[in-house]
PDB file of N, CA and C in Angstrom:
ATOM      1  N   MET A   1     -32.981  20.215   7.685  1.00  0.00           N
ATOM      2  CA  MET A   1     -32.061  19.242   6.989  1.00  0.00           C
ATOM      3  C   MET A   1     -31.169  18.443   7.986  1.00  0.00           C
ATOM      4  N   ASN A   2     -31.205  17.231   8.123  1.00  0.00           N
ATOM      5  CA  ASN A   2     -30.854  16.411   9.110  1.00  0.00           C
ATOM      6  C   ASN A   2     -29.512  15.910   8.690  1.00  0.00           C
ATOM      7  N   LEU A   3     -28.254  16.281   9.248  1.00  0.00           N
ATOM      8  CA  LEU A   3     -26.917  15.762   8.689  1.00  0.00           C
ATOM      9  C   LEU A   3     -26.631  14.465   9.388  1.00  0.00           C
ATOM     10  N   LEU A   4     -27.297  14.041  10.502  1.00  0.00           N
ATOM     11  CA  LEU A   4     -27.084  12.834  11.136  1.00  0.00           C
ATOM     12  C   LEU A   4     -26.799  11.542  10.477  1.00  0.00           C
ATOM     13  N   PRO A   5     -27.775  11.407   9.438  1.00  0.00           N
ATOM     14  CA  PRO A   5     -27.520  10.009   8.868  1.00  0.00           C
ATOM     15  C   PRO A   5     -26.238   9.994   7.915  1.00  0.00           C
ATOM     16  N   SER A   6     -25.927  11.210   7.335  1.00  0.00           N
ATOM     17  CA  SER A   6     -24.866  11.568   6.448  1.00  0.00           C
ATOM     18  C   SER A   6     -23.589  11.400   7.395  1.00  0.00           C
ATOM     19  N   MET A   7     -23.548  11.933   8.400  1.00  0.00           N
ATOM     20  CA  MET A   7     -22.289  11.817   9.356  1.00  0.00           C
ATOM     21  C   MET A   7     -21.984  10.211   9.940  1.00  0.00           C
ATOM     22  N   LYS A   8     -23.230   9.629  10.158  1.00  0.00           N
ATOM     23  CA  LYS A   8     -23.094   8.148  10.582  1.00  0.00           C
ATOM     24  C   LYS A   8     -22.490   7.392   9.373  1.00  0.00           C
ATOM     25  N   ALA A   9     -22.942   7.596   8.201  1.00  0.00           N
ATOM     26  CA  ALA A   9     -22.590   6.918   6.969  1.00  0.00           C
ATOM     27  C   ALA A   9     -21.164   7.182   6.790  1.00  0.00           C
ATOM     28  N   GLN A  10     -20.521   8.378   7.027  1.00  0.00           N
ATOM     29  CA  GLN A  10     -19.269   8.702   6.720  1.00  0.00           C
ATOM     30  C   GLN A  10     -18.369   8.144   7.884  1.00  0.00           C
ATOM     31  N   LYS A  11     -18.833   8.152   9.054  1.00  0.00           N
ATOM     32  CA  LYS A  11     -18.061   7.379  10.152  1.00  0.00           C
ATOM     33  C   LYS A  11     -18.072   5.861  10.061  1.00  0.00           C
ATOM     34  N   GLN A  12     -18.983   5.293   9.392  1.00  0.00           N
ATOM     35  CA  GLN A  12     -19.052   3.872   9.191  1.00  0.00           C
ATOM     36  C   GLN A  12     -18.199   3.582   8.249  1.00  0.00           C
ATOM     37  N   ALA A  13     -18.109   4.389   7.053  1.00  0.00           N
ATOM     38  CA  ALA A  13     -17.335   4.076   5.787  1.00  0.00           C
ATOM     39  C   ALA A  13     -15.826   4.432   6.445  1.00  0.00           C
ATOM     40  N   GLN A  14     -15.439   5.278   7.172  1.00  0.00           N
ATOM     41  CA  GLN A  14     -14.189   5.401   7.755  1.00  0.00           C
ATOM     42  C   GLN A  14     -13.579   4.267   8.742  1.00  0.00           C
ATOM     43  N   ARG A  15     -14.555   3.638   9.576  1.00  0.00           N
ATOM     44  CA  ARG A  15     -14.402   2.477  10.183  1.00  0.00           C
ATOM     45  C   ARG A  15     -13.973   1.266   9.339  1.00  0.00           C
ATOM     46  N   GLN A  16     -14.859   1.284   8.452  1.00  0.00           N
ATOM     47  CA  GLN A  16     -14.607   0.119   7.292  1.00  0.00           C
ATOM     48  C   GLN A  16     -13.117   0.218   6.600  1.00  0.00           C
ATOM     49  N   ALA A  17     -12.802   1.381   6.225  1.00  0.00           N
ATOM     50  CA  ALA A  17     -11.451   1.714   5.601  1.00  0.00           C
ATOM     51  C   ALA A  17     -10.344   1.414   6.476  1.00  0.00           C
ATOM     52  N   ASP A  18     -10.581   1.846   7.726  1.00  0.00           N
ATOM     53  CA  ASP A  18      -9.618   1.624   8.681  1.00  0.00           C
ATOM     54  C   ASP A  18      -9.436   0.079   9.108  1.00  0.00           C
ATOM     55  N   PHE A  19     -10.584  -0.618   9.137  1.00  0.00           N
ATOM     56  CA  PHE A  19     -10.519  -2.191   9.362  1.00  0.00           C
ATOM     57  C   PHE A  19      -9.848  -2.768   8.039  1.00  0.00           C
ATOM     58  N   ASP A  20     -10.139  -2.352   6.912  1.00  0.00           N
ATOM     59  CA  ASP A  20      -9.591  -3.042   5.677  1.00  0.00           C
ATOM     60  C   ASP A  20      -8.026  -2.666   5.717  1.00  0.00           C
ATOM     61  N   LYS A  21      -7.558  -1.502   6.067  1.00  0.00           N
ATOM     62  CA  LYS A  21      -6.182  -1.169   6.187  1.00  0.00           C
ATOM     63  C   LYS A  21      -5.397  -2.139   7.184  1.00  0.00           C
ATOM     64  N   ALA A  22      -6.139  -2.194   8.437  1.00  0.00           N
ATOM     65  CA  ALA A  22      -5.398  -3.063   9.251  1.00  0.00           C
ATOM     66  C   ALA A  22      -5.379  -4.591   8.883  1.00  0.00           C
ATOM     67  N   LEU A  23      -6.399  -5.075   8.305  1.00  0.00           N
ATOM     68  CA  LEU A  23      -6.481  -6.353   7.801  1.00  0.00           C
ATOM     69  C   LEU A  23      -5.215  -6.612   6.753  1.00  0.00           C
ATOM     70  N   ILE A  24      -5.262  -5.633   5.894  1.00  0.00           N
ATOM     71  CA  ILE A  24      -4.186  -5.775   4.874  1.00  0.00           C
ATOM     72  C   ILE A  24      -2.719  -5.827   5.494  1.00  0.00           C
ATOM     73  N   HIS A  25      -2.402  -4.902   6.532  1.00  0.00           N
ATOM     74  CA  HIS A  25      -1.335  -4.681   7.149  1.00  0.00           C
ATOM     75  C   HIS A  25      -0.883  -6.150   7.979  1.00  0.00           C
ATOM     76  N   HIS A  26      -2.069  -6.792   8.576  1.00  0.00           N
ATOM     77  CA  HIS A  26      -1.835  -8.009   9.295  1.00  0.00           C
ATOM     78  C   HIS A  26      -1.414  -9.064   8.381  1.00  0.00           C
ATOM     79  N   GLU A  27      -2.198  -9.158   7.161  1.00  0.00           N
ATOM     80  CA  GLU A  27      -1.817 -10.101   6.078  1.00  0.00           C
ATOM     81  C   GLU A  27      -0.397  -9.932   5.654  1.00  0.00           C
ATOM     82  N   ALA A  28      -0.028  -8.630   5.275  1.00  0.00           N
ATOM     83  CA  ALA A  28       1.094  -8.392   4.626  1.00  0.00           C
ATOM     84  C   ALA A  28       2.455  -8.783   5.592  1.00  0.00           C
ATOM     85  N   LYS A  29       2.382  -8.703   6.929  1.00  0.00           N
ATOM     86  CA  LYS A  29       3.049  -9.158   7.888  1.00  0.00           C
ATOM     87  C   LYS A  29       3.350 -10.632   7.860  1.00  0.00           C
ATOM     88  N   ILE A  30       2.232 -11.390   7.652  1.00  0.00           N
ATOM     89  CA  ILE A  30       2.120 -12.851   7.602  1.00  0.00           C
ATOM     90  C   ILE A  30       2.934 -13.273   6.345  1.00  0.00           C
ATOM     91  N   GLY A  31       2.454 -12.620   5.174  1.00  0.00           N
ATOM     92  CA  GLY A  31       3.183 -12.898   3.943  1.00  0.00           C
ATOM     93  C   GLY A  31       4.525 -12.530   3.905  1.00  0.00           C
ATOM     94  N   GLY A  32       5.052 -11.554   4.624  1.00  0.00           N
ATOM     95  CA  GLY A  32       6.396 -11.387   4.609  1.00  0.00           C
ATOM     96  C   GLY A  32       7.446 -12.348   5.352  1.00  0.00           C
ATOM     97  N   GLN A  33       6.678 -13.162   5.997  1.00  0.00           N
ATOM     98  CA  GLN A  33       7.383 -14.212   6.788  1.00  0.00           C
ATOM     99  C   GLN A  33       7.503 -15.458   6.256  1.00  0.00           C
ATOM    100  N   LEU A  34       6.817 -15.616   4.979  1.00  0.00           N
ATOM    101  CA  LEU A  34       6.734 -16.993   4.243  1.00  0.00           C
ATOM    102  C   LEU A  34       8.063 -17.526   3.933  1.00  0.00           C
ATOM    103  N   PHE A  35       9.052 -16.611   3.517  1.00  0.00           N
ATOM    104  CA  PHE A  35      10.227 -17.133   3.261  1.00  0.00           C
ATOM    105  C   PHE A  35      11.409 -17.186   4.252  1.00  0.00           C
ATOM    106  N   GLY A  36      10.851 -17.253   5.561  1.00  0.00           N
ATOM    107  CA  GLY A  36      11.749 -17.242   6.636  1.00  0.00           C
ATOM    108  C   GLY A  36      11.772 -15.966   7.572  1.00  0.00           C
ATOM    109  N   SER A  37      12.486 -16.026   8.668  1.00  0.00           N
ATOM    110  CA  SER A  37      12.392 -14.882   9.449  1.00  0.00           C
ATOM    111  C   SER A  37      12.906 -13.594   8.748  1.00  0.00           C
ATOM    112  N   VAL A  38      12.290 -12.544   9.254  1.00  0.00           N
ATOM    113  CA  VAL A  38      12.754 -11.072   8.879  1.00  0.00           C
ATOM    114  C   VAL A  38      13.789 -10.599   9.693  1.00  0.00           C
ATOM    115  N   PRO A  39      15.003 -10.241   9.010  1.00  0.00           N
ATOM    116  CA  PRO A  39      16.124  -9.794   9.774  1.00  0.00           C
ATOM    117  C   PRO A  39      15.727  -8.469  10.460  1.00  0.00           C
ATOM    118  N   ALA A  40      16.390  -8.265  11.689  1.00  0.00           N
ATOM    119  CA  ALA A  40      16.248  -7.002  12.314  1.00  0.00           C
ATOM    120  C   ALA A  40      16.595  -5.732  11.474  1.00  0.00           C
ATOM    121  N   GLY A  41      15.696  -4.831  11.558  1.00  0.00           N
ATOM    122  CA  GLY A  41      15.998  -3.544  10.808  1.00  0.00           C
ATOM    123  C   GLY A  41      15.487  -3.757   9.398  1.00  0.00           C
ATOM    124  N   THR A  42      14.676  -4.955   8.917  1.00  0.00           N
ATOM    125  CA  THR A  42      14.276  -5.190   7.624  1.00  0.00           C
ATOM    126  C   THR A  42      12.763  -5.186   7.746  1.00  0.00           C
ATOM    127  N   ARG A  43      12.024  -4.593   6.797  1.00  0.00           N
ATOM    128  CA  ARG A  43      10.642  -4.766   6.752  1.00  0.00           C
ATOM    129  C   ARG A  43      10.272  -5.591   5.495  1.00  0.00           C
ATOM    130  N   ARG A  44       9.515  -6.555   5.658  1.00  0.00           N
ATOM    131  CA  ARG A  44       9.204  -7.370   4.317  1.00  0.00           C
ATOM    132  C   ARG A  44       7.711  -7.742   4.314  1.00  0.00           C
ATOM    133  N   GLU A  45       7.044  -7.325   3.342  1.00  0.00           N
ATOM    134  CA  GLU A  45       5.538  -7.459   3.194  1.00  0.00           C
ATOM    135  C   GLU A  45       5.217  -8.252   2.027  1.00  0.00           C
ATOM    136  N   PHE A  46       4.363  -9.152   1.868  1.00  0.00           N
ATOM    137  CA  PHE A  46       3.677  -9.837   0.819  1.00  0.00           C
ATOM    138  C   PHE A  46       2.334  -9.879   0.890  1.00  0.00           C
ATOM    139  N   PHE A  47       1.363  -9.333  -0.085  1.00  0.00           N
ATOM    140  CA  PHE A  47       0.098  -9.355   0.275  1.00  0.00           C
ATOM    141  C   PHE A  47      -0.912  -9.173  -0.980  1.00  0.00           C
ATOM    142  N   CYS A  48      -2.163  -9.616  -0.849  1.00  0.00           N
ATOM    143  CA  CYS A  48      -3.083  -9.458  -2.045  1.00  0.00           C
ATOM    144  C   CYS A  48      -3.646  -7.983  -1.814  1.00  0.00           C
ATOM    145  N   LEU A  49      -3.535  -7.132  -2.642  1.00  0.00           N
ATOM    146  CA  LEU A  49      -4.027  -5.831  -2.722  1.00  0.00           C
ATOM    147  C   LEU A  49      -5.489  -5.869  -3.137  1.00  0.00           C
ATOM    148  N   ASP A  50      -5.875  -6.563  -4.369  1.00  0.00           N
ATOM    149  CA  ASP A  50      -7.126  -6.628  -4.725  1.00  0.00           C
ATOM    150  C   ASP A  50      -7.254  -7.982  -5.356  1.00  0.00           C
ATOM    151  N   GLU A  51      -8.367  -8.288  -6.155  1.00  0.00           N
ATOM    152  CA  GLU A  51      -8.398  -9.726  -6.762  1.00  0.00           C
ATOM    153  C   GLU A  51      -7.540  -9.702  -7.919  1.00  0.00           C
ATOM    154  N   HIS A  52      -6.831  -8.789  -8.414  1.00  0.00           N
ATOM    155  CA  HIS A  52      -5.888  -9.025  -9.477  1.00  0.00           C
ATOM    156  C   HIS A  52      -4.433  -8.536  -9.066  1.00  0.00           C
ATOM    157  N   THR A  53      -4.108  -7.838  -7.967  1.00  0.00           N
ATOM    158  CA  THR A  53      -2.817  -7.480  -7.669  1.00  0.00           C
ATOM    159  C   THR A  53      -2.160  -7.977  -6.214  1.00  0.00           C
ATOM    160  N   TRP A  54      -0.969  -8.504  -6.560  1.00  0.00           N
ATOM    161  CA  TRP A  54      -0.186  -8.912  -5.365  1.00  0.00           C
ATOM    162  C   TRP A  54       0.956  -7.893  -5.307  1.00  0.00           C
ATOM    163  N   VAL A  55       1.415  -7.727  -3.849  1.00  0.00           N
ATOM    164  CA  VAL A  55       2.566  -6.716  -3.796  1.00  0.00           C
ATOM    165  C   VAL A  55       3.584  -7.397  -2.998  1.00  0.00           C
ATOM    166  N   TRP A  56       4.785  -7.343  -3.230  1.00  0.00           N
ATOM    167  CA  TRP A  56       6.035  -7.609  -2.409  1.00  0.00           C
ATOM    168  C   TRP A  56       6.704  -6.460  -2.234  1.00  0.00           C
ATOM    169  N   HIS A  57       6.947  -5.921  -0.815  1.00  0.00           N
ATOM    170  CA  HIS A  57       7.613  -4.853  -0.533  1.00  0.00           C
ATOM    171  C   HIS A  57       8.669  -5.017   0.606  1.00  0.00           C
ATOM    172  N   GLU A  58       9.893  -4.549   0.319  1.00  0.00           N
ATOM    173  CA  GLU A  58      10.999  -4.854   1.258  1.00  0.00           C
ATOM    174  C   GLU A  58      11.836  -3.519   1.520  1.00  0.00           C
ATOM    175  N   GLU A  59      12.161  -3.438   2.740  1.00  0.00           N
ATOM    176  CA  GLU A  59      12.924  -2.265   2.967  1.00  0.00           C
ATOM    177  C   GLU A  59      13.982  -2.816   3.835  1.00  0.00           C
ATOM    178  N   TRP A  60      15.277  -2.302   3.774  1.00  0.00           N
ATOM    179  CA  TRP A  60      16.521  -2.803   4.523  1.00  0.00           C
ATOM    180  C   TRP A  60      17.617  -1.760   4.319  1.00  0.00           C
ATOM    181  N   THR A  61      18.516  -1.930   5.368  1.00  0.00           N
ATOM    182  CA  THR A  61      19.795  -0.950   5.342  1.00  0.00           C
ATOM    183  C   THR A  61      20.829  -1.720   4.621  1.00  0.00           C
ATOM    184  N   ASP A  62      21.433  -1.136   3.740  1.00  0.00           N
ATOM    185  CA  ASP A  62      22.566  -1.617   3.054  1.00  0.00           C
ATOM    186  C   ASP A  62      23.962  -1.433   3.766  1.00  0.00           C
ATOM    187  N   ARG A  63      25.075  -2.068   3.239  1.00  0.00           N
ATOM    188  CA  ARG A  63      26.242  -2.198   3.947  1.00  0.00           C
ATOM    189  C   ARG A  63      26.900  -0.766   4.187  1.00  0.00           C
ATOM    190  N   ALA A  64      26.431   0.235   3.338  1.00  0.00           N
ATOM    191  CA  ALA A  64      26.877   1.542   3.596  1.00  0.00           C
ATOM    192  C   ALA A  64      26.052   2.370   4.663  1.00  0.00           C
ATOM    193  N   GLY A  65      24.915   1.608   5.210  1.00  0.00           N
ATOM    194  CA  GLY A  65      24.026   2.352   6.196  1.00  0.00           C
ATOM    195  C   GLY A  65      22.869   3.110   5.411  1.00  0.00           C
ATOM    196  N   LYS A  66      22.772   3.031   4.234  1.00  0.00           N
ATOM    197  CA  LYS A  66      21.771   3.694   3.591  1.00  0.00           C
ATOM    198  C   LYS A  66      20.431   2.826   3.478  1.00  0.00           C
ATOM    199  N   ARG A  67      19.223   3.341   3.845  1.00  0.00           N
ATOM    200  CA  ARG A  67      17.958   2.758   3.595  1.00  0.00           C
ATOM    201  C   ARG A  67      17.758   2.460   2.219  1.00  0.00           C
ATOM    202  N   GLN A  68      17.245   1.102   1.820  1.00  0.00           N
ATOM    203  CA  GLN A  68      16.941   0.779   0.464  1.00  0.00           C
ATOM    204  C   GLN A  68      15.453   0.297   0.645  1.00  0.00           C
ATOM    205  N   MET A  69      14.866   0.326  -0.613  1.00  0.00           N
ATOM    206  CA  MET A  69      13.551   0.025  -0.541  1.00  0.00           C
ATOM    207  C   MET A  69      13.213  -0.566  -1.875  1.00  0.00           C
ATOM    208  N   MET A  70      12.425  -1.594  -2.100  1.00  0.00           N
ATOM    209  CA  MET A  70      11.926  -2.218  -3.397  1.00  0.00           C
ATOM    210  C   MET A  70      10.587  -2.625  -3.413  1.00  0.00           C
ATOM    211  N   THR A  71       9.767  -2.380  -4.268  1.00  0.00           N
ATOM    212  CA  THR A  71       8.170  -2.685  -4.308  1.00  0.00           C
ATOM    213  C   THR A  71       8.242  -3.457  -5.738  1.00  0.00           C
ATOM    214  N   THR A  72       7.690  -4.774  -5.591  1.00  0.00           N
ATOM    215  CA  THR A  72       7.305  -5.405  -6.796  1.00  0.00           C
ATOM    216  C   THR A  72       5.757  -5.685  -6.873  1.00  0.00           C
ATOM    217  N   ARG A  73       5.244  -5.450  -7.873  1.00  0.00           N
ATOM    218  CA  ARG A  73       3.818  -5.376  -7.950  1.00  0.00           C
ATOM    219  C   ARG A  73       3.533  -6.529  -9.139  1.00  0.00           C
ATOM    220  N   TYR A  74       2.605  -7.540  -8.964  1.00  0.00           N
ATOM    221  CA  TYR A  74       2.171  -8.497  -9.716  1.00  0.00           C
ATOM    222  C   TYR A  74       0.759  -8.483 -10.188  1.00  0.00           C
ATOM    223  N   ASP A  75       0.513  -8.441 -11.387  1.00  0.00           N
ATOM    224  CA  ASP A  75      -0.783  -8.150 -11.963  1.00  0.00           C
ATOM    225  C   ASP A  75      -1.195  -9.405 -12.657  1.00  0.00           C
ATOM    226  N   VAL A  76      -2.055 -10.100 -12.024  1.00  0.00           N
ATOM    227  CA  VAL A  76      -2.694 -11.435 -12.476  1.00  0.00           C
ATOM    228  C   VAL A  76      -3.824 -11.275 -13.326  1.00  0.00           C
ATOM    229  N   ARG A  77      -3.395 -11.795 -14.582  1.00  0.00           N
ATOM    230  CA  ARG A  77      -4.335 -11.714 -15.735  1.00  0.00           C
ATOM    231  C   ARG A  77      -4.723 -13.153 -16.276  1.00  0.00           C
ATOM    232  N   PRO A  78      -5.887 -13.267 -17.017  1.00  0.00           N
ATOM    233  CA  PRO A  78      -6.154 -14.508 -17.489  1.00  0.00           C
ATOM    234  C   PRO A  78      -5.270 -15.335 -18.246  1.00  0.00           C
ATOM    235  N   ASP A  79      -4.291 -14.588 -19.114  1.00  0.00           N
ATOM    236  CA  ASP A  79      -3.179 -15.105 -19.655  1.00  0.00           C
ATOM    237  C   ASP A  79      -1.820 -15.040 -19.074  1.00  0.00           C
ATOM    238  N   GLY A  80      -1.889 -14.824 -17.757  1.00  0.00           N
ATOM    239  CA  GLY A  80      -0.551 -14.880 -16.958  1.00  0.00           C
ATOM    240  C   GLY A  80      -0.414 -13.880 -16.151  1.00  0.00           C
ATOM    241  N   VAL A  81       0.782 -13.785 -15.467  1.00  0.00           N
ATOM    242  CA  VAL A  81       1.088 -12.830 -14.334  1.00  0.00           C
ATOM    243  C   VAL A  81       2.185 -11.926 -14.863  1.00  0.00           C
ATOM    244  N   LEU A  82       1.840 -10.654 -14.786  1.00  0.00           N
ATOM    245  CA  LEU A  82       2.860  -9.368 -15.141  1.00  0.00           C
ATOM    246  C   LEU A  82       3.409  -9.116 -13.927  1.00  0.00           C
ATOM    247  N   LYS A  83       4.719  -8.795 -14.036  1.00  0.00           N
ATOM    248  CA  LYS A  83       5.366  -8.181 -12.972  1.00  0.00           C
ATOM    249  C   LYS A  83       6.189  -6.792 -13.177  1.00  0.00           C
ATOM    250  N   SER A  84       6.019  -5.995 -12.259  1.00  0.00           N
ATOM    251  CA  SER A  84       6.641  -4.600 -12.411  1.00  0.00           C
ATOM    252  C   SER A  84       7.444  -4.391 -11.007  1.00  0.00           C
ATOM    253  N   GLN A  85       8.651  -4.005 -11.314  1.00  0.00           N
ATOM    254  CA  GLN A  85       9.630  -3.893 -10.058  1.00  0.00           C
ATOM    255  C   GLN A  85      10.155  -2.444 -10.037  1.00  0.00           C
ATOM    256  N   GLY A  86       9.899  -1.899  -8.890  1.00  0.00           N
ATOM    257  CA  GLY A  86      10.450  -0.402  -8.761  1.00  0.00           C
ATOM    258  C   GLY A  86       9.813   0.585  -9.706  1.00  0.00           C
ATOM    259  N   GLY A  87       8.639   0.398 -10.225  1.00  0.00           N
ATOM    260  CA  GLY A  87       8.111   1.379 -11.156  1.00  0.00           C
ATOM    261  C   GLY A  87       8.416   1.149 -12.636  1.00  0.00           C
ATOM    262  N   ASN A  88       9.237   0.012 -12.815  1.00  0.00           N
ATOM    263  CA  ASN A  88       9.566  -0.210 -14.334  1.00  0.00           C
ATOM    264  C   ASN A  88       8.284  -0.773 -15.070  1.00  0.00           C
ATOM    265  N   SER A  89       8.472  -1.096 -16.175  1.00  0.00           N
ATOM    266  CA  SER A  89       7.373  -1.515 -17.087  1.00  0.00           C
ATOM    267  C   SER A  89       7.295  -3.007 -16.584  1.00  0.00           C
ATOM    268  N   TYR A  90       5.923  -3.407 -17.098  1.00  0.00           N
ATOM    269  CA  TYR A  90       5.559  -4.942 -16.845  1.00  0.00           C
ATOM    270  C   TYR A  90       6.332  -5.879 -17.785  1.00  0.00           C
ATOM    271  N   ARG A  91       6.591  -7.035 -17.065  1.00  0.00           N
ATOM    272  CA  ARG A  91       6.973  -8.228 -17.865  1.00  0.00           C
ATOM    273  C   ARG A  91       6.359  -9.426 -17.345  1.00  0.00           C
ATOM    274  N   LYS A  92       6.091 -10.425 -18.336  1.00  0.00           N
ATOM    275  CA  LYS A  92       5.254 -11.644 -18.084  1.00  0.00           C
ATOM    276  C   LYS A  92       6.184 -12.402 -17.106  1.00  0.00           C
ATOM    277  N   LEU A  93       5.719 -13.141 -16.136  1.00  0.00           N
ATOM    278  CA  LEU A  93       6.520 -14.209 -15.535  1.00  0.00           C
ATOM    279  C   LEU A  93       6.425 -15.521 -16.215  1.00  0.00           C
ATOM    280  N   GLN A  94       7.722 -16.103 -16.049  1.00  0.00           N
ATOM    281  CA  GLN A  94       7.717 -17.427 -16.910  1.00  0.00           C
ATOM    282  C   GLN A  94       8.545 -18.343 -16.154  1.00  0.00           C
ATOM    283  N   GLY A  95       8.491 -19.779 -16.506  1.00  0.00           N
ATOM    284  CA  GLY A  95       9.344 -20.715 -15.838  1.00  0.00           C
ATOM    285  C   GLY A  95       9.252 -20.834 -14.276  1.00  0.00           C
ATOM    286  N   GLU A  96      10.443 -20.735 -13.739  1.00  0.00           N
ATOM    287  CA  GLU A  96      10.624 -21.074 -12.413  1.00  0.00           C
ATOM    288  C   GLU A  96       9.953 -19.844 -11.621  1.00  0.00           C
ATOM    289  N   GLU A  97      10.299 -18.609 -12.115  1.00  0.00           N
ATOM    290  CA  GLU A  97       9.751 -17.435 -11.409  1.00  0.00           C
ATOM    291  C   GLU A  97       8.179 -17.560 -11.231  1.00  0.00           C
ATOM    292  N   ALA A  98       7.512 -18.084 -12.393  1.00  0.00           N
ATOM    293  CA  ALA A  98       6.067 -18.097 -12.382  1.00  0.00           C
ATOM    294  C   ALA A  98       5.662 -19.261 -11.344  1.00  0.00           C
ATOM    295  N   ARG A  99       6.410 -20.327 -11.380  1.00  0.00           N
ATOM    296  CA  ARG A  99       6.135 -21.398 -10.354  1.00  0.00           C
ATOM    297  C   ARG A  99       6.319 -20.876  -8.993  1.00  0.00           C
ATOM    298  N   ASN A 100       7.335 -20.119  -8.771  1.00  0.00           N
ATOM    299  CA  ASN A 100       7.693 -19.617  -7.381  1.00  0.00           C
ATOM    300  C   ASN A 100       6.592 -18.840  -6.710  1.00  0.00           C
ATOM    301  N   PHE A 101       6.055 -17.777  -7.935  1.00  0.00           N
ATOM    302  CA  PHE A 101       5.010 -16.984  -7.416  1.00  0.00           C
ATOM    303  C   PHE A 101       3.752 -17.707  -7.194  1.00  0.00           C
ATOM    304  N   ARG A 102       3.571 -18.695  -7.815  1.00  0.00           N
ATOM    305  CA  ARG A 102       2.389 -19.435  -7.565  1.00  0.00           C
ATOM    306  C   ARG A 102       2.443 -20.228  -6.338  1.00  0.00           C
ATOM    307  N   MET A 103       3.519 -20.671  -5.877  1.00  0.00           N
ATOM    308  CA  MET A 103       3.756 -21.369  -4.663  1.00  0.00           C
ATOM    309  C   MET A 103       3.601 -20.358  -3.500  1.00  0.00           C
ATOM    310  N   ALA A 104       4.183 -19.154  -3.746  1.00  0.00           N
ATOM    311  CA  ALA A 104       4.057 -18.075  -2.752  1.00  0.00           C
ATOM    312  C   ALA A 104       2.709 -17.798  -2.362  1.00  0.00           C
ATOM    313  N   VAL A 105       1.807 -17.612  -3.388  1.00  0.00           N
ATOM    314  CA  VAL A 105       0.486 -17.306  -3.277  1.00  0.00           C
ATOM    315  C   VAL A 105      -0.261 -18.453  -2.506  1.00  0.00           C
ATOM    316  N   GLN A 106       0.009 -19.743  -3.009  1.00  0.00           N
ATOM    317  CA  GLN A 106      -0.599 -20.856  -2.303  1.00  0.00           C
ATOM    318  C   GLN A 106      -0.363 -20.855  -0.764  1.00  0.00           C
ATOM    319  N   ASN A 107       1.079 -20.699  -0.519  1.00  0.00           N
ATOM    320  CA  ASN A 107       1.454 -20.622   0.983  1.00  0.00           C
ATOM    321  C   ASN A 107       0.861 -19.489   1.687  1.00  0.00           C
ATOM    322  N   TYR A 108       0.818 -18.255   1.116  1.00  0.00           N
ATOM    323  CA  TYR A 108       0.247 -17.048   1.768  1.00  0.00           C
ATOM    324  C   TYR A 108      -1.346 -17.447   2.060  1.00  0.00           C
ATOM    325  N   CYS A 109      -2.024 -18.065   1.242  1.00  0.00           N
ATOM    326  CA  CYS A 109      -3.658 -18.335   1.358  1.00  0.00           C
ATOM    327  C   CYS A 109      -3.654 -19.259   2.492  1.00  0.00           C
ATOM    328  N   ARG A 110      -2.675 -20.342   2.613  1.00  0.00           N
ATOM    329  CA  ARG A 110      -2.813 -21.295   3.772  1.00  0.00           C
ATOM    330  C   ARG A 110      -2.466 -20.650   5.130  1.00  0.00           C
ATOM    331  N   GLN A 111      -1.399 -19.805   5.147  1.00  0.00           N
ATOM    332  CA  GLN A 111      -0.898 -19.101   6.267  1.00  0.00           C
ATOM    333  C   GLN A 111      -2.216 -18.170   6.820  1.00  0.00           C
ATOM    334  N   VAL A 112      -2.740 -17.372   5.907  1.00  0.00           N
ATOM    335  CA  VAL A 112      -3.540 -16.195   6.356  1.00  0.00           C
ATOM    336  C   VAL A 112      -5.024 -16.987   6.871  1.00  0.00           C
ATOM    337  N   LEU A 113      -5.339 -17.829   5.951  1.00  0.00           N
ATOM    338  CA  LEU A 113      -6.637 -18.568   6.307  1.00  0.00           C
ATOM    339  C   LEU A 113      -6.238 -19.407   7.587  1.00  0.00           C
ATOM    340  N   GLY A 114      -5.183 -19.833   7.738  1.00  0.00           N
ATOM    341  CA  GLY A 114      -4.923 -20.806   8.913  1.00  0.00           C
ATOM    342  C   GLY A 114      -5.010 -19.826  10.223  1.00  0.00           C
ATOM    343  N   ASP A 115      -4.366 -18.596  10.093  1.00  0.00           N
ATOM    344  CA  ASP A 115      -4.391 -17.591  11.157  1.00  0.00           C
ATOM    345  C   ASP A 115      -5.701 -17.127  11.511  1.00  0.00           C
ATOM    346  N   TYR A 116      -6.651 -16.869  10.488  1.00  0.00           N
ATOM    347  CA  TYR A 116      -7.985 -16.588  10.901  1.00  0.00           C
ATOM    348  C   TYR A 116      -8.753 -17.787  11.578  1.00  0.00           C
ATOM    349  N   ASP A 117      -8.575 -18.925  11.035  1.00  0.00           N
ATOM    350  CA  ASP A 117      -9.032 -20.109  11.905  1.00  0.00           C
ATOM    351  C   ASP A 117      -8.724 -20.093  13.174  1.00  0.00           C
ATOM    352  N   ARG A 118      -7.339 -19.933  13.521  1.00  0.00           N
ATOM    353  CA  ARG A 118      -7.010 -19.842  14.889  1.00  0.00           C
ATOM    354  C   ARG A 118      -7.556 -18.718  15.647  1.00  0.00           C
ATOM    355  N   MET A 119      -7.662 -17.640  15.055  1.00  0.00           N
ATOM    356  CA  MET A 119      -8.308 -16.431  15.678  1.00  0.00           C
ATOM    357  C   MET A 119      -9.788 -16.809  16.294  1.00  0.00           C
ATOM    358  N   LEU A 120     -10.452 -17.339  15.229  1.00  0.00           N
ATOM    359  CA  LEU A 120     -11.907 -17.531  15.398  1.00  0.00           C
ATOM    360  C   LEU A 120     -12.091 -18.745  16.432  1.00  0.00           C
ATOM    361  N   ALA A 121     -11.091 -19.629  16.501  1.00  0.00           N
ATOM    362  CA  ALA A 121     -11.264 -20.899  17.507  1.00  0.00           C
ATOM    363  C   ALA A 121     -10.909 -20.217  18.766  1.00  0.00           C
ATOM    364  N   ALA A 122     -10.219 -19.387  19.050  1.00  0.00           N
ATOM    365  CA  ALA A 122      -9.956 -18.744  20.310  1.00  0.00           C
ATOM    366  C   ALA A 122     -10.930 -18.156  21.329  1.00  0.00           C
TER     367      ALA A 122
END
């Protein structure tokens, strides 16, 4: 029994998973800067997790010196976008919030694709 093909496949799958993780991290960092510079001591990320899911994640230190964290998940569906914040139930985006989300996604796509175009041209 030859285990070499199986080990090669596992190694390739791990490399692909590591690459995908690095790619999401890179895109999340770009997305986190869409709304201005990120203050020192703050972590801000906005990224596309899969074809239906967007994530906004932010970590900061409050005035009392306590570390805070908030994750917002957006589920894109044919009939609209649902938002869940901090693990709460989903609610549908409407009005200005829906327009802001759409604009953020458009800006994200422009920034990320522009960044990849610059990398390929270098």
